[in-house]
Amino acid sequence: MTVYETKAVLEDGITIAGKSMREHLEAINHKEAILVAEEIVQEEIPFSERVVKDLHSIVLNKIDRDNAGMYRNRNGIISGASYTPPDALMVPQLMTDLIEWPIDCICNRWAFNLVVDSTLLLLP
């Protein structure tokens, strides 16, 4: 969906002709996950694997119930990218390492890349 179509779905509650239910749900679910993430920050809830999994579950709500809130359990590729995500067997430990990484180091370029890479770990 384009930015304008997404805006229409989220702000006006309309459906976009030719777009799948999944595309609509992705936009709606991401908005909800962002709102929940904002609440987590406001309430000063500590960043944890449970928080990551809960947000992931919101993103996949009514889209992929079997994988919602779960780390991927199979290897994957990103079509058109030279990057290869880590082996699925490494995901739990990598996520633990991410959570344990000192938050005040997040401005470090390497740490930033680790955070970006971790988002790819959750893709089913």
C-alpha atoms as a PDB file:
ATOM      1  CA  MET A   1       0.000   0.000   0.000  1.00  0.00           C
ATOM      2  CA  THR A   2       1.133   3.529  -0.635  1.00  0.00           C
ATOM      3  CA  VAL A   3       1.527   6.020   2.194  1.00  0.00           C
ATOM      4  CA  TYR A   4      -1.704   7.721   1.152  1.00  0.00           C
ATOM      5  CA  GLU A   5      -3.608   4.436   1.027  1.00  0.00           C
ATOM      6  CA  THR A   6      -2.265   3.481   4.454  1.00  0.00           C
ATOM      7  CA  LYS A   7      -3.322   6.875   5.800  1.00  0.00           C
ATOM      8  CA  ALA A   8      -6.838   6.350   4.420  1.00  0.00           C
ATOM      9  CA  VAL A   9      -7.087   2.921   6.052  1.00  0.00           C
ATOM     10  CA  LEU A  10      -5.783   4.106   9.425  1.00  0.00           C
ATOM     11  CA  GLU A  11      -7.381   7.523   9.679  1.00  0.00           C
ATOM     12  CA  ASP A  12     -10.585   7.141   7.687  1.00  0.00           C
ATOM     13  CA  GLY A  13     -11.242   3.444   8.237  1.00  0.00           C
ATOM     14  CA  ILE A  14     -11.823   2.724   4.570  1.00  0.00           C
ATOM     15  CA  THR A  15     -10.677  -0.244   2.535  1.00  0.00           C
ATOM     16  CA  ILE A  16      -8.604   0.129  -0.589  1.00  0.00           C
ATOM     17  CA  ALA A  17      -9.841  -1.595  -3.738  1.00  0.00           C
ATOM     18  CA  GLY A  18      -7.439  -4.201  -5.049  1.00  0.00           C
ATOM     19  CA  LYS A  19      -5.567  -4.524  -1.756  1.00  0.00           C
ATOM     20  CA  SER A  20      -5.676  -7.760   0.193  1.00  0.00           C
ATOM     21  CA  MET A  21      -7.065  -8.210   3.667  1.00  0.00           C
ATOM     22  CA  ARG A  22      -3.500  -9.010   4.763  1.00  0.00           C
ATOM     23  CA  GLU A  23      -2.272  -5.612   3.535  1.00  0.00           C
ATOM     24  CA  HIS A  24      -5.039  -3.861   5.465  1.00  0.00           C
ATOM     25  CA  LEU A  25      -4.323  -5.877   8.608  1.00  0.00           C
ATOM     26  CA  GLU A  26      -0.586  -5.187   8.354  1.00  0.00           C
ATOM     27  CA  ALA A  27      -1.230  -1.437   8.404  1.00  0.00           C
ATOM     28  CA  ILE A  28      -3.760  -1.662  11.234  1.00  0.00           C
ATOM     29  CA  ASN A  29      -1.599  -4.030  13.292  1.00  0.00           C
ATOM     30  CA  HIS A  30       1.544  -1.941  12.898  1.00  0.00           C
ATOM     31  CA  LYS A  31      -0.340   1.115  14.129  1.00  0.00           C
ATOM     32  CA  GLU A  32      -1.558  -0.839  17.161  1.00  0.00           C
ATOM     33  CA  ALA A  33       1.961  -2.143  17.873  1.00  0.00           C
ATOM     34  CA  ILE A  34       3.325   1.403  17.749  1.00  0.00           C
ATOM     35  CA  LEU A  35       0.654   2.591  20.180  1.00  0.00           C
ATOM     36  CA  VAL A  36       1.467  -0.281  22.553  1.00  0.00           C
ATOM     37  CA  ALA A  37       5.204   0.442  22.226  1.00  0.00           C
ATOM     38  CA  GLU A  38       4.527   4.068  23.169  1.00  0.00           C
ATOM     39  CA  GLU A  39       2.605   2.887  26.250  1.00  0.00           C
ATOM     40  CA  ILE A  40       5.485   0.597  27.201  1.00  0.00           C
ATOM     41  CA  VAL A  41       7.898   3.521  27.027  1.00  0.00           C
ATOM     42  CA  GLN A  42       5.579   5.844  28.969  1.00  0.00           C
ATOM     43  CA  GLU A  43       5.061   3.234  31.681  1.00  0.00           C
ATOM     44  CA  GLU A  44       8.816   2.578  31.770  1.00  0.00           C
ATOM     45  CA  ILE A  45       8.325  -1.160  31.296  1.00  0.00           C
ATOM     46  CA  PRO A  46      11.765  -2.742  30.879  1.00  0.00           C
ATOM     47  CA  PHE A  47      12.739  -3.850  27.388  1.00  0.00           C
ATOM     48  CA  SER A  48      12.643  -7.644  27.310  1.00  0.00           C
ATOM     49  CA  GLU A  49      12.176 -10.604  25.029  1.00  0.00           C
ATOM     50  CA  ARG A  50       8.562 -10.771  26.252  1.00  0.00           C
ATOM     51  CA  VAL A  51       8.003  -7.174  25.076  1.00  0.00           C
ATOM     52  CA  VAL A  52       9.522  -7.986  21.666  1.00  0.00           C
ATOM     53  CA  LYS A  53       7.377 -11.099  21.322  1.00  0.00           C
ATOM     54  CA  ASP A  54       4.233  -9.283  22.451  1.00  0.00           C
ATOM     55  CA  LEU A  55       4.760  -6.535  19.869  1.00  0.00           C
ATOM     56  CA  HIS A  56       5.461  -9.146  17.202  1.00  0.00           C
ATOM     57  CA  SER A  57       2.234 -10.895  18.167  1.00  0.00           C
ATOM     58  CA  ILE A  58       0.319  -7.646  17.660  1.00  0.00           C
ATOM     59  CA  VAL A  59       1.901  -7.133  14.224  1.00  0.00           C
ATOM     60  CA  LEU A  60       0.850 -10.609  13.091  1.00  0.00           C
ATOM     61  CA  ASN A  61      -2.596 -10.534  14.730  1.00  0.00           C
ATOM     62  CA  LYS A  62      -5.156 -12.184  12.398  1.00  0.00           C
ATOM     63  CA  ILE A  63      -2.410 -12.625   9.782  1.00  0.00           C
ATOM     64  CA  ASP A  64      -0.217 -15.499  10.966  1.00  0.00           C
ATOM     65  CA  ARG A  65      -1.449 -16.900  14.262  1.00  0.00           C
ATOM     66  CA  ASP A  66       1.035 -19.802  14.232  1.00  0.00           C
ATOM     67  CA  ASN A  67       4.079 -17.509  14.136  1.00  0.00           C
ATOM     68  CA  ALA A  68       2.778 -14.512  16.072  1.00  0.00           C
ATOM     69  CA  GLY A  69       4.988 -13.795  19.053  1.00  0.00           C
ATOM     70  CA  MET A  70       7.421 -16.558  18.148  1.00  0.00           C
ATOM     71  CA  TYR A  71      10.981 -16.540  16.881  1.00  0.00           C
ATOM     72  CA  ARG A  72      11.300 -18.032  13.450  1.00  0.00           C
ATOM     73  CA  ASN A  73      12.116 -21.730  13.399  1.00  0.00           C
ATOM     74  CA  ARG A  74      13.328 -22.064   9.838  1.00  0.00           C
ATOM     75  CA  ASN A  75      15.998 -20.387   7.799  1.00  0.00           C
ATOM     76  CA  GLY A  76      14.986 -17.701   5.386  1.00  0.00           C
ATOM     77  CA  ILE A  77      16.263 -15.415   2.705  1.00  0.00           C
ATOM     78  CA  ILE A  78      15.394 -11.866   1.768  1.00  0.00           C
ATOM     79  CA  SER A  79      14.597 -11.765  -1.909  1.00  0.00           C
ATOM     80  CA  GLY A  80      16.809  -9.319  -3.788  1.00  0.00           C
ATOM     81  CA  ALA A  81      19.122  -8.688  -0.825  1.00  0.00           C
ATOM     82  CA  SER A  82      22.730  -9.707  -0.371  1.00  0.00           C
ATOM     83  CA  TYR A  83      22.157 -10.041   3.391  1.00  0.00           C
ATOM     84  CA  THR A  84      21.514 -13.514   4.788  1.00  0.00           C
ATOM     85  CA  PRO A  85      19.651 -13.626   8.114  1.00  0.00           C
ATOM     86  CA  PRO A  86      21.241 -15.702  10.876  1.00  0.00           C
ATOM     87  CA  ASP A  87      20.480 -19.396  11.134  1.00  0.00           C
ATOM     88  CA  ALA A  88      17.120 -20.012  12.830  1.00  0.00           C
ATOM     89  CA  LEU A  89      18.805 -22.071  15.544  1.00  0.00           C
ATOM     90  CA  MET A  90      20.802 -18.984  16.553  1.00  0.00           C
ATOM     91  CA  VAL A  91      17.803 -16.669  16.883  1.00  0.00           C
ATOM     92  CA  PRO A  92      16.921 -17.305  20.562  1.00  0.00           C
ATOM     93  CA  GLN A  93      20.495 -16.689  21.733  1.00  0.00           C
ATOM     94  CA  LEU A  94      20.898 -13.657  19.470  1.00  0.00           C
ATOM     95  CA  MET A  95      17.709 -12.153  20.881  1.00  0.00           C
ATOM     96  CA  THR A  96      18.908 -12.810  24.428  1.00  0.00           C
ATOM     97  CA  ASP A  97      22.188 -11.103  23.537  1.00  0.00           C
ATOM     98  CA  LEU A  98      20.289  -8.154  22.103  1.00  0.00           C
ATOM     99  CA  ILE A  99      18.193  -7.704  25.230  1.00  0.00           C
ATOM    100  CA  GLU A 100      21.258  -7.902  27.438  1.00  0.00           C
ATOM    101  CA  TRP A 101      23.142  -5.343  25.340  1.00  0.00           C
ATOM    102  CA  PRO A 102      23.601  -2.114  27.323  1.00  0.00           C
ATOM    103  CA  ILE A 103      20.956   0.366  26.223  1.00  0.00           C
ATOM    104  CA  ASP A 104      23.345   3.314  26.567  1.00  0.00           C
ATOM    105  CA  CYS A 105      25.510   1.822  23.806  1.00  0.00           C
ATOM    106  CA  ILE A 106      22.681   1.893  21.271  1.00  0.00           C
ATOM    107  CA  CYS A 107      24.202   4.919  19.548  1.00  0.00           C
ATOM    108  CA  ASN A 108      27.200   2.746  18.675  1.00  0.00           C
ATOM    109  CA  ARG A 109      27.026   1.879  14.966  1.00  0.00           C
ATOM    110  CA  TRP A 110      27.590  -1.818  15.594  1.00  0.00           C
ATOM    111  CA  ALA A 111      24.813  -1.917  18.176  1.00  0.00           C
ATOM    112  CA  PHE A 112      22.484  -0.118  15.770  1.00  0.00           C
ATOM    113  CA  ASN A 113      23.157  -2.766  13.126  1.00  0.00           C
ATOM    114  CA  LEU A 114      22.485  -5.468  15.714  1.00  0.00           C
ATOM    115  CA  VAL A 115      19.075  -3.931  16.431  1.00  0.00           C
ATOM    116  CA  VAL A 116      18.258  -3.694  12.729  1.00  0.00           C
ATOM    117  CA  ASP A 117      19.393  -7.284  12.170  1.00  0.00           C
ATOM    118  CA  SER A 118      17.272  -8.474  15.087  1.00  0.00           C
ATOM    119  CA  THR A 119      14.114  -7.220  13.397  1.00  0.00           C
ATOM    120  CA  LEU A 120      14.907  -9.601  10.559  1.00  0.00           C
ATOM    121  CA  LEU A 121      15.142 -12.491  13.027  1.00  0.00           C
ATOM    122  CA  LEU A 122      11.427 -12.308  13.700  1.00  0.00           C
ATOM    123  CA  LEU A 123      10.375 -12.680  10.094  1.00  0.00           C
ATOM    124  CA  PRO A 124       8.740 -16.073   9.606  1.00  0.00           C
END
